[in-house]
Amino acid sequence: MTLKDLAAFAEEQGLALDQCEPFAAGEVWWRLPDSKTLLSFEDHGFLAAAHRSEPALLHD
């Protein structure tokens, strides 16, 4: 998956795609807020890492 693929999917589904820095300043991650999933992409645009929070541990 590429960042371009994710952006196209979000647009097709009418979903917000947010950029954030949840772990370290300057380290950019992307999220689809309702999924509780964070995605990181390499400089070339390919998926580098995915992080999903355990819903039972969230307080929101």
C-alpha atoms as a PDB file:
ATOM      1  CA  MET A   1       0.000   0.000   0.000  1.00  0.00           C
ATOM      2  CA  THR A   2       1.148   3.523  -0.715  1.00  0.00           C
ATOM      3  CA  LEU A   3       0.117   6.825   0.826  1.00  0.00           C
ATOM      4  CA  LYS A   4      -1.484   7.622  -2.524  1.00  0.00           C
ATOM      5  CA  ASP A   5      -3.587   4.424  -2.267  1.00  0.00           C
ATOM      6  CA  LEU A   6      -4.675   5.346   1.264  1.00  0.00           C
ATOM      7  CA  ALA A   7      -5.630   8.878   0.233  1.00  0.00           C
ATOM      8  CA  ALA A   8      -7.661   7.550  -2.721  1.00  0.00           C
ATOM      9  CA  PHE A   9      -9.443   5.013  -0.475  1.00  0.00           C
ATOM     10  CA  ALA A  10     -10.261   7.695   2.095  1.00  0.00           C
ATOM     11  CA  GLU A  11     -11.630   9.999  -0.589  1.00  0.00           C
ATOM     12  CA  GLU A  12     -13.737   7.230  -2.176  1.00  0.00           C
ATOM     13  CA  GLN A  13     -15.202   6.333   1.222  1.00  0.00           C
ATOM     14  CA  GLY A  14     -15.739   9.945   2.306  1.00  0.00           C
ATOM     15  CA  LEU A  15     -13.383   9.483   5.260  1.00  0.00           C
ATOM     16  CA  ALA A  16     -11.107  12.030   6.885  1.00  0.00           C
ATOM     17  CA  LEU A  17      -7.393  11.312   6.585  1.00  0.00           C
ATOM     18  CA  ASP A  18      -5.398  13.099   9.263  1.00  0.00           C
ATOM     19  CA  GLN A  19      -1.664  13.659   9.560  1.00  0.00           C
ATOM     20  CA  CYS A  20      -0.280  13.542  13.106  1.00  0.00           C
ATOM     21  CA  GLU A  21       2.917  13.188  15.165  1.00  0.00           C
ATOM     22  CA  PRO A  22       1.801  10.916  18.048  1.00  0.00           C
ATOM     23  CA  PHE A  23       5.155   9.442  19.063  1.00  0.00           C
ATOM     24  CA  ALA A  24       8.009  11.850  18.257  1.00  0.00           C
ATOM     25  CA  ALA A  25       8.137  15.379  16.916  1.00  0.00           C
ATOM     26  CA  GLY A  26       8.815  15.325  13.193  1.00  0.00           C
ATOM     27  CA  GLU A  27       7.780  11.665  12.818  1.00  0.00           C
ATOM     28  CA  VAL A  28       4.661  11.823  10.661  1.00  0.00           C
ATOM     29  CA  TRP A  29       1.905   9.220  10.836  1.00  0.00           C
ATOM     30  CA  TRP A  30      -1.460   9.131   9.056  1.00  0.00           C
ATOM     31  CA  ARG A  31      -4.768   8.023  10.528  1.00  0.00           C
ATOM     32  CA  LEU A  32      -8.340   7.361   9.684  1.00  0.00           C
ATOM     33  CA  PRO A  33      -9.754   8.528  13.042  1.00  0.00           C
ATOM     34  CA  ASP A  34     -12.577   5.989  13.433  1.00  0.00           C
ATOM     35  CA  SER A  35     -10.253   3.041  12.784  1.00  0.00           C
ATOM     36  CA  LYS A  36      -7.873   3.748  15.727  1.00  0.00           C
ATOM     37  CA  THR A  37      -5.085   2.835  13.295  1.00  0.00           C
ATOM     38  CA  LEU A  38      -1.918   4.824  12.586  1.00  0.00           C
ATOM     39  CA  LEU A  39       0.073   4.292   9.388  1.00  0.00           C
ATOM     40  CA  SER A  40       3.627   5.377   8.604  1.00  0.00           C
ATOM     41  CA  PHE A  41       5.014   5.636   5.084  1.00  0.00           C
ATOM     42  CA  GLU A  42       8.574   5.621   3.767  1.00  0.00           C
ATOM     43  CA  ASP A  43       9.936   8.571   1.801  1.00  0.00           C
ATOM     44  CA  HIS A  44       9.100   6.678  -1.414  1.00  0.00           C
ATOM     45  CA  GLY A  45       5.458   6.520  -0.301  1.00  0.00           C
ATOM     46  CA  PHE A  46       5.277   2.818   0.580  1.00  0.00           C
ATOM     47  CA  LEU A  47       3.776   1.583   3.853  1.00  0.00           C
ATOM     48  CA  ALA A  48       6.470   1.253   6.522  1.00  0.00           C
ATOM     49  CA  ALA A  49       4.479   0.477   9.689  1.00  0.00           C
ATOM     50  CA  ALA A  50       0.966   0.183  11.046  1.00  0.00           C
ATOM     51  CA  HIS A  51      -0.107   0.605  14.666  1.00  0.00           C
ATOM     52  CA  ARG A  52      -3.546  -0.211  16.028  1.00  0.00           C
ATOM     53  CA  SER A  53      -4.584   0.621  19.557  1.00  0.00           C
ATOM     54  CA  GLU A  54      -6.314  -2.068  21.598  1.00  0.00           C
ATOM     55  CA  PRO A  55      -9.872  -0.690  21.953  1.00  0.00           C
ATOM     56  CA  ALA A  56     -10.201  -1.985  25.522  1.00  0.00           C
ATOM     57  CA  LEU A  57      -7.280   0.250  26.570  1.00  0.00           C
ATOM     58  CA  LEU A  58      -8.607   3.449  25.017  1.00  0.00           C
ATOM     59  CA  HIS A  59     -10.403   6.037  27.079  1.00  0.00           C
ATOM     60  CA  ASP A  60     -12.080   8.012  24.311  1.00  0.00           C
END
